[in-house]
Amino acid sequence: MFRMRVHFIAIGGSRIGIAGSYGKTAIAAMIMHVLRKQEIKFGYVVGSETDGFENIAVLNSIVRDHMNVFPTFENYIEQFRIFTEKISSGGSLIYFDDDIEAKKIALASRDNIRKIPFRVHGYFQNKTGFYAATHNRVVPVKIFGEQNMQNLSAAREVCIETGIAEDDFYEAIKSFKGI
């Protein structure tokens, strides 16, 4: 039985499930902000337990958490493995490549799903503000810090996977104020 808190967003026939020890709410909020800016209708459930499946799944950082529910770290890790088993055939798993446990789980998951790694998004700060940066763009953002840039990177991958253009993602994320 799967007993992990997951945030879900539904867009048309696709569902997005977001799991991890932290960052779930921020990633979901960023995705929903972009969808709203793109005028794409969606539904969501934040903080649910599920026996369902996902077309797109996000696996963020995994650290020892919920010791009152999961008596061992191995039992906690098993919940994320079960989460990846629920991804529908042909679906996608977007995972944080710099987290050892998330990467191990992703690489061990089934071969009939796409595995998309992400890392902390490039960024810098100066006296004029905080910026998300890539090799060909600099985007002023209203959020700051490495954790937010990690979450932004996950949200970006989800949005691209759902068909939102990269330019549209960055235009929308400029006005995201955080959670």
N, C-alpha and C. Protein backbone atom coordinates (compact mmCIF):
# COMPACT_ATOMS: atom_id res chain seq x y z
N MET A 1 0.84 -1.19 0.00
CA MET A 1 0.00 0.00 0.00
C MET A 1 0.88 1.24 0.00
N PHE A 2 0.47 2.22 -0.78
CA PHE A 2 1.18 3.49 -0.92
C PHE A 2 0.63 4.46 0.12
N ARG A 3 1.50 5.02 0.96
CA ARG A 3 1.05 5.91 2.03
C ARG A 3 1.85 7.21 2.05
N MET A 4 2.03 7.82 0.92
CA MET A 4 2.84 9.04 0.83
C MET A 4 1.95 10.21 0.45
N ARG A 5 2.21 11.36 0.99
CA ARG A 5 1.48 12.56 0.58
C ARG A 5 1.99 13.00 -0.78
N VAL A 6 1.04 13.21 -1.68
CA VAL A 6 1.35 13.60 -3.05
C VAL A 6 0.43 14.74 -3.42
N HIS A 7 0.92 15.71 -4.18
CA HIS A 7 0.10 16.80 -4.71
C HIS A 7 -0.22 16.45 -6.15
N PHE A 8 -1.47 16.62 -6.56
CA PHE A 8 -1.89 16.30 -7.92
C PHE A 8 -2.43 17.52 -8.63
N ILE A 9 -2.14 17.59 -9.91
CA ILE A 9 -2.72 18.60 -10.80
C ILE A 9 -3.23 17.84 -12.01
N ALA A 10 -4.45 18.12 -12.43
CA ALA A 10 -5.03 17.49 -13.61
C ALA A 10 -5.20 18.53 -14.71
N ILE A 11 -4.69 18.19 -15.90
CA ILE A 11 -4.80 19.05 -17.08
C ILE A 11 -5.34 18.18 -18.19
N GLY A 12 -6.57 18.43 -18.60
CA GLY A 12 -7.15 17.60 -19.64
C GLY A 12 -7.13 16.15 -19.21
N GLY A 13 -6.54 15.27 -20.04
CA GLY A 13 -6.46 13.86 -19.72
C GLY A 13 -5.22 13.47 -18.96
N SER A 14 -4.36 14.41 -18.63
CA SER A 14 -3.11 14.11 -17.93
C SER A 14 -3.22 14.47 -16.46
N ARG A 15 -2.52 13.67 -15.65
CA ARG A 15 -2.39 14.00 -14.24
C ARG A 15 -0.92 14.12 -13.90
N ILE A 16 -0.62 15.05 -13.03
CA ILE A 16 0.74 15.28 -12.57
C ILE A 16 0.75 14.97 -11.07
N GLY A 17 1.63 14.09 -10.64
CA GLY A 17 1.80 13.77 -9.22
C GLY A 17 3.15 14.27 -8.76
N ILE A 18 3.19 14.97 -7.64
CA ILE A 18 4.44 15.55 -7.13
C ILE A 18 4.72 14.95 -5.75
N ALA A 19 5.86 14.29 -5.61
CA ALA A 19 6.24 13.65 -4.35
C ALA A 19 7.65 14.06 -3.97
N GLY A 20 7.96 13.93 -2.71
CA GLY A 20 9.29 14.24 -2.20
C GLY A 20 9.18 14.59 -0.73
N SER A 21 10.31 14.73 -0.08
CA SER A 21 10.29 15.09 1.33
C SER A 21 9.91 16.54 1.53
N TYR A 22 10.24 17.38 0.56
CA TYR A 22 9.88 18.80 0.64
C TYR A 22 9.79 19.37 -0.77
N GLY A 23 9.21 20.56 -0.89
CA GLY A 23 9.10 21.24 -2.17
C GLY A 23 7.82 20.95 -2.95
N LYS A 24 7.01 20.00 -2.48
CA LYS A 24 5.81 19.61 -3.22
C LYS A 24 4.85 20.78 -3.43
N THR A 25 4.56 21.50 -2.39
CA THR A 25 3.61 22.61 -2.48
C THR A 25 4.15 23.72 -3.36
N ALA A 26 5.43 24.05 -3.23
CA ALA A 26 6.02 25.12 -4.05
C ALA A 26 6.01 24.74 -5.52
N ILE A 27 6.38 23.50 -5.84
CA ILE A 27 6.37 23.06 -7.23
C ILE A 27 4.96 23.10 -7.80
N ALA A 28 3.99 22.58 -7.04
CA ALA A 28 2.59 22.60 -7.49
C ALA A 28 2.12 24.03 -7.70
N ALA A 29 2.46 24.93 -6.78
CA ALA A 29 2.04 26.33 -6.90
C ALA A 29 2.64 26.99 -8.14
N MET A 30 3.91 26.70 -8.42
CA MET A 30 4.54 27.26 -9.62
C MET A 30 3.86 26.75 -10.89
N ILE A 31 3.60 25.45 -10.95
CA ILE A 31 2.92 24.88 -12.12
C ILE A 31 1.55 25.50 -12.30
N MET A 32 0.79 25.59 -11.21
CA MET A 32 -0.56 26.16 -11.31
C MET A 32 -0.52 27.63 -11.70
N HIS A 33 0.47 28.37 -11.24
CA HIS A 33 0.62 29.77 -11.61
C HIS A 33 0.83 29.90 -13.13
N VAL A 34 1.72 29.07 -13.67
CA VAL A 34 1.99 29.10 -15.11
C VAL A 34 0.74 28.69 -15.89
N LEU A 35 0.05 27.64 -15.43
CA LEU A 35 -1.18 27.21 -16.12
C LEU A 35 -2.22 28.32 -16.13
N ARG A 36 -2.37 29.00 -15.01
CA ARG A 36 -3.33 30.11 -14.92
C ARG A 36 -2.95 31.23 -15.88
N LYS A 37 -1.66 31.57 -15.93
CA LYS A 37 -1.19 32.62 -16.84
C LYS A 37 -1.41 32.23 -18.30
N GLN A 38 -1.33 30.93 -18.59
CA GLN A 38 -1.55 30.43 -19.95
C GLN A 38 -3.04 30.20 -20.24
N GLU A 39 -3.88 30.47 -19.24
CA GLU A 39 -5.33 30.28 -19.34
C GLU A 39 -5.68 28.84 -19.68
N ILE A 40 -4.95 27.91 -19.05
CA ILE A 40 -5.21 26.48 -19.21
C ILE A 40 -6.00 26.01 -17.99
N LYS A 41 -7.15 25.39 -18.22
CA LYS A 41 -7.97 24.90 -17.12
C LYS A 41 -7.32 23.69 -16.48
N PHE A 42 -7.40 23.62 -15.17
CA PHE A 42 -6.80 22.51 -14.43
C PHE A 42 -7.54 22.31 -13.13
N GLY A 43 -7.37 21.14 -12.56
CA GLY A 43 -7.87 20.83 -11.23
C GLY A 43 -6.68 20.42 -10.38
N TYR A 44 -6.86 20.41 -9.06
CA TYR A 44 -5.75 20.03 -8.21
C TYR A 44 -6.24 19.49 -6.87
N VAL A 45 -5.40 18.67 -6.27
CA VAL A 45 -5.58 18.18 -4.91
C VAL A 45 -4.21 18.29 -4.27
N VAL A 46 -4.11 19.03 -3.20
CA VAL A 46 -2.83 19.23 -2.53
C VAL A 46 -2.84 18.44 -1.23
N GLY A 47 -1.84 17.56 -1.07
CA GLY A 47 -1.69 16.81 0.17
C GLY A 47 -2.53 15.56 0.26
N SER A 48 -2.76 14.89 -0.85
CA SER A 48 -3.60 13.69 -0.81
C SER A 48 -2.77 12.43 -0.75
N GLU A 49 -3.40 11.35 -0.27
CA GLU A 49 -2.84 10.02 -0.41
C GLU A 49 -3.60 9.39 -1.55
N THR A 50 -2.95 8.54 -2.33
CA THR A 50 -3.62 8.03 -3.52
C THR A 50 -3.25 6.60 -3.84
N ASP A 51 -4.15 5.92 -4.49
CA ASP A 51 -3.86 4.62 -5.07
C ASP A 51 -3.93 4.73 -6.58
N GLY A 52 -4.04 5.93 -7.11
CA GLY A 52 -4.18 6.16 -8.54
C GLY A 52 -2.88 6.07 -9.29
N PHE A 53 -2.86 6.64 -10.47
CA PHE A 53 -1.66 6.62 -11.29
C PHE A 53 -1.42 8.02 -11.81
N GLU A 54 -0.22 8.25 -12.32
CA GLU A 54 0.12 9.56 -12.87
C GLU A 54 0.65 9.39 -14.28
N ASN A 55 0.37 10.35 -15.14
CA ASN A 55 1.02 10.39 -16.45
C ASN A 55 2.37 11.09 -16.35
N ILE A 56 2.44 12.08 -15.49
CA ILE A 56 3.70 12.78 -15.23
C ILE A 56 3.90 12.76 -13.71
N ALA A 57 5.06 12.31 -13.29
CA ALA A 57 5.37 12.26 -11.86
C ALA A 57 6.65 13.03 -11.60
N VAL A 58 6.69 13.73 -10.47
CA VAL A 58 7.88 14.46 -10.06
C VAL A 58 8.38 13.83 -8.77
N LEU A 59 9.67 13.54 -8.73
CA LEU A 59 10.30 13.01 -7.54
C LEU A 59 11.40 14.00 -7.14
N ASN A 60 11.11 14.78 -6.08
CA ASN A 60 12.04 15.80 -5.61
C ASN A 60 12.98 15.16 -4.59
N SER A 61 13.68 15.93 -3.83
CA SER A 61 14.63 15.42 -2.84
C SER A 61 13.98 14.48 -1.84
N ILE A 62 14.76 13.51 -1.40
CA ILE A 62 14.30 12.56 -0.40
C ILE A 62 15.24 12.59 0.78
N VAL A 63 14.71 12.95 1.94
CA VAL A 63 15.47 12.90 3.19
C VAL A 63 14.60 12.21 4.22
N ARG A 64 15.19 11.71 5.26
CA ARG A 64 14.43 11.00 6.30
C ARG A 64 13.38 11.93 6.87
N ASP A 65 12.13 11.51 6.78
CA ASP A 65 11.01 12.34 7.20
C ASP A 65 9.89 11.42 7.67
N HIS A 66 8.92 11.96 8.36
CA HIS A 66 7.72 11.23 8.80
C HIS A 66 8.07 9.97 9.59
N MET A 67 8.99 10.12 10.54
CA MET A 67 9.41 8.97 11.34
C MET A 67 8.27 8.39 12.16
N ASN A 68 7.23 9.18 12.40
CA ASN A 68 6.07 8.68 13.14
C ASN A 68 5.21 7.74 12.30
N VAL A 69 5.37 7.79 10.97
CA VAL A 69 4.58 6.95 10.07
C VAL A 69 5.41 5.81 9.50
N PHE A 70 6.66 6.09 9.19
CA PHE A 70 7.55 5.10 8.56
C PHE A 70 8.67 4.77 9.54
N PRO A 71 8.64 3.58 10.12
CA PRO A 71 9.58 3.25 11.18
C PRO A 71 11.04 3.17 10.75
N THR A 72 11.29 2.88 9.47
CA THR A 72 12.68 2.81 9.01
C THR A 72 12.83 3.65 7.75
N PHE A 73 14.07 4.05 7.47
CA PHE A 73 14.36 4.80 6.25
C PHE A 73 14.05 3.95 5.04
N GLU A 74 14.31 2.66 5.11
CA GLU A 74 14.03 1.76 4.00
C GLU A 74 12.53 1.73 3.68
N ASN A 75 11.70 1.73 4.72
CA ASN A 75 10.25 1.75 4.51
C ASN A 75 9.81 3.07 3.88
N TYR A 76 10.45 4.15 4.29
CA TYR A 76 10.15 5.47 3.71
C TYR A 76 10.53 5.50 2.24
N ILE A 77 11.73 5.02 1.90
CA ILE A 77 12.20 4.97 0.52
C ILE A 77 11.28 4.10 -0.33
N GLU A 78 10.80 3.01 0.24
CA GLU A 78 9.91 2.10 -0.49
C GLU A 78 8.66 2.83 -1.00
N GLN A 79 8.18 3.81 -0.24
CA GLN A 79 7.00 4.55 -0.67
C GLN A 79 7.24 5.29 -1.98
N PHE A 80 8.43 5.81 -2.16
CA PHE A 80 8.76 6.50 -3.41
C PHE A 80 8.91 5.52 -4.57
N ARG A 81 9.44 4.33 -4.29
CA ARG A 81 9.51 3.30 -5.32
C ARG A 81 8.10 2.90 -5.77
N ILE A 82 7.21 2.74 -4.81
CA ILE A 82 5.81 2.42 -5.13
C ILE A 82 5.19 3.55 -5.95
N PHE A 83 5.50 4.79 -5.59
CA PHE A 83 5.02 5.95 -6.34
C PHE A 83 5.40 5.84 -7.82
N THR A 84 6.65 5.47 -8.09
CA THR A 84 7.09 5.37 -9.49
C THR A 84 6.41 4.21 -10.22
N GLU A 85 6.03 3.17 -9.49
CA GLU A 85 5.32 2.04 -10.11
C GLU A 85 3.94 2.45 -10.60
N LYS A 86 3.39 3.50 -10.05
CA LYS A 86 2.05 3.95 -10.41
C LYS A 86 2.01 4.84 -11.64
N ILE A 87 3.16 5.15 -12.20
CA ILE A 87 3.22 5.96 -13.42
C ILE A 87 2.72 5.10 -14.57
N SER A 88 1.80 5.63 -15.33
CA SER A 88 1.25 4.86 -16.44
C SER A 88 2.30 4.62 -17.51
N SER A 89 2.14 3.52 -18.23
CA SER A 89 3.05 3.18 -19.32
C SER A 89 3.08 4.33 -20.31
N GLY A 90 4.27 4.75 -20.70
CA GLY A 90 4.42 5.90 -21.59
C GLY A 90 4.43 7.23 -20.87
N GLY A 91 4.25 7.20 -19.54
CA GLY A 91 4.27 8.42 -18.75
C GLY A 91 5.70 8.90 -18.52
N SER A 92 5.85 9.92 -17.70
CA SER A 92 7.16 10.52 -17.46
C SER A 92 7.45 10.63 -15.97
N LEU A 93 8.70 10.42 -15.62
CA LEU A 93 9.19 10.63 -14.26
C LEU A 93 10.25 11.72 -14.31
N ILE A 94 9.95 12.84 -13.69
CA ILE A 94 10.88 13.96 -13.61
C ILE A 94 11.49 13.89 -12.21
N TYR A 95 12.82 13.72 -12.13
CA TYR A 95 13.43 13.48 -10.83
C TYR A 95 14.64 14.38 -10.61
N PHE A 96 14.90 14.68 -9.32
CA PHE A 96 16.02 15.54 -8.94
C PHE A 96 17.31 14.73 -9.02
N ASP A 97 18.10 15.02 -10.02
CA ASP A 97 19.30 14.26 -10.35
C ASP A 97 20.40 14.37 -9.30
N ASP A 98 20.39 15.41 -8.48
CA ASP A 98 21.44 15.60 -7.48
C ASP A 98 21.11 14.96 -6.14
N ASP A 99 19.95 14.29 -6.04
CA ASP A 99 19.59 13.57 -4.83
C ASP A 99 19.87 12.09 -5.06
N ILE A 100 20.75 11.52 -4.26
CA ILE A 100 21.18 10.13 -4.46
C ILE A 100 20.00 9.17 -4.44
N GLU A 101 19.11 9.31 -3.46
CA GLU A 101 17.98 8.38 -3.34
C GLU A 101 16.99 8.55 -4.49
N ALA A 102 16.67 9.79 -4.84
CA ALA A 102 15.73 10.03 -5.95
C ALA A 102 16.29 9.47 -7.25
N LYS A 103 17.57 9.67 -7.47
CA LYS A 103 18.20 9.17 -8.70
C LYS A 103 18.20 7.65 -8.74
N LYS A 104 18.53 6.99 -7.61
CA LYS A 104 18.51 5.52 -7.57
C LYS A 104 17.12 4.98 -7.88
N ILE A 105 16.12 5.58 -7.28
CA ILE A 105 14.74 5.14 -7.51
C ILE A 105 14.36 5.35 -8.96
N ALA A 106 14.69 6.50 -9.52
CA ALA A 106 14.34 6.80 -10.91
C ALA A 106 15.03 5.83 -11.87
N LEU A 107 16.31 5.63 -11.68
CA LEU A 107 17.04 4.76 -12.60
C LEU A 107 16.62 3.31 -12.50
N ALA A 108 16.10 2.90 -11.34
CA ALA A 108 15.62 1.53 -11.16
C ALA A 108 14.17 1.35 -11.60
N SER A 109 13.49 2.44 -11.93
CA SER A 109 12.08 2.34 -12.32
C SER A 109 11.94 1.70 -13.71
N ARG A 110 10.73 1.36 -14.05
CA ARG A 110 10.44 0.65 -15.31
C ARG A 110 10.99 1.38 -16.53
N ASP A 111 11.27 0.61 -17.56
CA ASP A 111 11.81 1.17 -18.81
C ASP A 111 10.75 1.73 -19.74
N ASN A 112 9.46 1.50 -19.43
CA ASN A 112 8.41 1.99 -20.33
C ASN A 112 7.90 3.38 -19.94
N ILE A 113 8.70 4.11 -19.15
CA ILE A 113 8.40 5.50 -18.84
C ILE A 113 9.61 6.35 -19.20
N ARG A 114 9.35 7.62 -19.51
CA ARG A 114 10.45 8.56 -19.78
C ARG A 114 11.01 9.02 -18.44
N LYS A 115 12.33 9.09 -18.36
CA LYS A 115 13.00 9.54 -17.14
C LYS A 115 13.72 10.84 -17.46
N ILE A 116 13.28 11.91 -16.81
CA ILE A 116 13.79 13.25 -17.11
C ILE A 116 14.44 13.82 -15.85
N PRO A 117 15.77 13.91 -15.83
CA PRO A 117 16.43 14.47 -14.65
C PRO A 117 16.38 16.00 -14.66
N PHE A 118 16.38 16.58 -13.48
CA PHE A 118 16.52 18.04 -13.37
C PHE A 118 17.50 18.35 -12.26
N ARG A 119 18.05 19.53 -12.33
CA ARG A 119 18.99 20.01 -11.32
C ARG A 119 18.52 21.39 -10.84
N VAL A 120 19.23 21.95 -9.89
CA VAL A 120 18.92 23.30 -9.44
C VAL A 120 19.10 24.24 -10.64
N HIS A 121 18.08 25.06 -10.88
CA HIS A 121 18.12 26.01 -11.99
C HIS A 121 19.24 27.02 -11.74
N GLY A 122 19.90 27.44 -12.81
CA GLY A 122 20.91 28.47 -12.68
C GLY A 122 20.30 29.76 -12.14
N TYR A 123 21.07 30.48 -11.35
CA TYR A 123 20.55 31.73 -10.78
C TYR A 123 21.71 32.62 -10.35
N PHE A 124 21.38 33.89 -10.13
CA PHE A 124 22.32 34.81 -9.50
C PHE A 124 21.52 35.93 -8.86
N GLN A 125 22.19 36.64 -7.98
CA GLN A 125 21.58 37.77 -7.29
C GLN A 125 22.55 38.92 -7.33
N ASN A 126 22.01 40.12 -7.54
CA ASN A 126 22.82 41.32 -7.42
C ASN A 126 21.96 42.39 -6.75
N LYS A 127 22.44 43.63 -6.72
CA LYS A 127 21.68 44.66 -5.99
C LYS A 127 20.36 45.02 -6.66
N THR A 128 20.14 44.58 -7.90
CA THR A 128 18.87 44.87 -8.57
C THR A 128 17.83 43.76 -8.38
N GLY A 129 18.24 42.60 -7.86
CA GLY A 129 17.28 41.54 -7.61
C GLY A 129 17.83 40.14 -7.76
N PHE A 130 16.91 39.19 -7.86
CA PHE A 130 17.25 37.76 -7.98
C PHE A 130 16.83 37.32 -9.37
N TYR A 131 17.66 36.50 -10.02
CA TYR A 131 17.43 36.14 -11.42
C TYR A 131 17.61 34.64 -11.63
N ALA A 132 16.70 34.06 -12.40
CA ALA A 132 16.87 32.70 -12.92
C ALA A 132 17.65 32.86 -14.22
N ALA A 133 18.67 32.05 -14.42
CA ALA A 133 19.53 32.24 -15.59
C ALA A 133 19.79 30.92 -16.30
N THR A 134 19.81 30.98 -17.63
CA THR A 134 20.22 29.86 -18.47
C THR A 134 21.31 30.38 -19.39
N HIS A 135 21.78 29.53 -20.29
CA HIS A 135 22.84 29.97 -21.19
C HIS A 135 22.37 31.05 -22.16
N ASN A 136 21.05 31.18 -22.37
CA ASN A 136 20.57 32.18 -23.33
C ASN A 136 19.51 33.12 -22.79
N ARG A 137 19.30 33.13 -21.49
CA ARG A 137 18.30 34.06 -20.94
C ARG A 137 18.56 34.36 -19.48
N VAL A 138 18.11 35.54 -19.07
CA VAL A 138 18.13 35.97 -17.68
C VAL A 138 16.72 36.45 -17.38
N VAL A 139 16.11 35.87 -16.35
CA VAL A 139 14.72 36.17 -16.03
C VAL A 139 14.63 36.68 -14.60
N PRO A 140 14.13 37.90 -14.40
CA PRO A 140 13.94 38.37 -13.02
C PRO A 140 12.80 37.58 -12.38
N VAL A 141 13.02 37.14 -11.15
CA VAL A 141 11.98 36.39 -10.43
C VAL A 141 11.77 37.00 -9.06
N LYS A 142 10.60 36.74 -8.49
CA LYS A 142 10.24 37.31 -7.19
C LYS A 142 10.53 36.35 -6.05
N ILE A 143 11.06 35.17 -6.38
CA ILE A 143 11.45 34.19 -5.38
C ILE A 143 12.98 34.17 -5.32
N PHE A 144 13.53 33.57 -4.28
CA PHE A 144 14.98 33.56 -4.17
C PHE A 144 15.42 32.30 -3.44
N GLY A 145 16.69 31.98 -3.58
CA GLY A 145 17.29 30.87 -2.85
C GLY A 145 17.39 29.61 -3.69
N GLU A 146 18.35 28.78 -3.31
CA GLU A 146 18.62 27.55 -4.05
C GLU A 146 17.44 26.59 -4.06
N GLN A 147 16.75 26.44 -2.92
CA GLN A 147 15.60 25.53 -2.88
C GLN A 147 14.52 25.97 -3.85
N ASN A 148 14.24 27.25 -3.92
CA ASN A 148 13.24 27.74 -4.88
C ASN A 148 13.70 27.52 -6.32
N MET A 149 14.99 27.61 -6.56
CA MET A 149 15.50 27.37 -7.92
C MET A 149 15.42 25.88 -8.28
N GLN A 150 15.57 25.02 -7.28
CA GLN A 150 15.36 23.58 -7.51
C GLN A 150 13.89 23.32 -7.85
N ASN A 151 13.00 23.91 -7.09
CA ASN A 151 11.56 23.75 -7.34
C ASN A 151 11.17 24.33 -8.70
N LEU A 152 11.73 25.50 -9.04
CA LEU A 152 11.45 26.13 -10.33
C LEU A 152 11.87 25.21 -11.48
N SER A 153 13.01 24.55 -11.33
CA SER A 153 13.49 23.64 -12.37
C SER A 153 12.53 22.47 -12.56
N ALA A 154 12.02 21.92 -11.46
CA ALA A 154 11.04 20.82 -11.56
C ALA A 154 9.77 21.30 -12.24
N ALA A 155 9.27 22.47 -11.83
CA ALA A 155 8.06 23.03 -12.43
C ALA A 155 8.25 23.28 -13.92
N ARG A 156 9.43 23.77 -14.29
CA ARG A 156 9.74 24.02 -15.71
C ARG A 156 9.66 22.73 -16.51
N GLU A 157 10.26 21.67 -16.01
CA GLU A 157 10.24 20.38 -16.72
C GLU A 157 8.81 19.86 -16.87
N VAL A 158 8.00 19.99 -15.83
CA VAL A 158 6.60 19.56 -15.91
C VAL A 158 5.87 20.36 -16.98
N CYS A 159 6.02 21.67 -16.94
CA CYS A 159 5.31 22.52 -17.90
C CYS A 159 5.73 22.21 -19.34
N ILE A 160 7.00 22.02 -19.57
CA ILE A 160 7.47 21.66 -20.91
C ILE A 160 6.89 20.31 -21.32
N GLU A 161 6.86 19.37 -20.39
CA GLU A 161 6.32 18.03 -20.68
C GLU A 161 4.83 18.09 -21.03
N THR A 162 4.11 19.07 -20.48
CA THR A 162 2.68 19.20 -20.79
C THR A 162 2.43 20.03 -22.04
N GLY A 163 3.50 20.51 -22.68
CA GLY A 163 3.33 21.23 -23.94
C GLY A 163 3.44 22.74 -23.85
N ILE A 164 3.73 23.26 -22.68
CA ILE A 164 3.90 24.71 -22.53
C ILE A 164 5.29 25.08 -23.05
N ALA A 165 5.34 26.08 -23.89
CA ALA A 165 6.62 26.52 -24.47
C ALA A 165 7.51 27.10 -23.38
N GLU A 166 8.81 26.89 -23.52
CA GLU A 166 9.76 27.38 -22.55
C GLU A 166 9.66 28.90 -22.37
N ASP A 167 9.50 29.64 -23.48
CA ASP A 167 9.34 31.10 -23.39
C ASP A 167 8.12 31.47 -22.56
N ASP A 168 7.02 30.75 -22.75
CA ASP A 168 5.80 31.02 -22.00
C ASP A 168 5.98 30.71 -20.52
N PHE A 169 6.69 29.64 -20.22
CA PHE A 169 6.97 29.31 -18.81
C PHE A 169 7.71 30.46 -18.15
N TYR A 170 8.80 30.91 -18.76
CA TYR A 170 9.61 31.96 -18.14
C TYR A 170 8.86 33.29 -18.04
N GLU A 171 8.04 33.59 -19.03
CA GLU A 171 7.24 34.82 -18.96
C GLU A 171 6.27 34.75 -17.78
N ALA A 172 5.64 33.61 -17.58
CA ALA A 172 4.68 33.46 -16.49
C ALA A 172 5.35 33.43 -15.12
N ILE A 173 6.49 32.76 -15.02
CA ILE A 173 7.13 32.58 -13.71
C ILE A 173 7.68 33.90 -13.16
N LYS A 174 7.87 34.89 -14.01
CA LYS A 174 8.35 36.20 -13.55
C LYS A 174 7.44 36.79 -12.47
N SER A 175 6.15 36.52 -12.56
CA SER A 175 5.20 37.13 -11.62
C SER A 175 4.85 36.20 -10.44
N PHE A 176 5.44 35.03 -10.37
CA PHE A 176 5.16 34.11 -9.25
C PHE A 176 5.81 34.66 -7.99
N LYS A 177 4.99 34.84 -6.93
CA LYS A 177 5.47 35.47 -5.71
C LYS A 177 5.82 34.49 -4.61
N GLY A 178 5.67 33.20 -4.87
CA GLY A 178 5.96 32.20 -3.84
C GLY A 178 4.71 31.75 -3.15
N ILE A 179 4.89 30.88 -2.14
CA ILE A 179 3.73 30.34 -1.43
C ILE A 179 3.68 30.88 -0.02
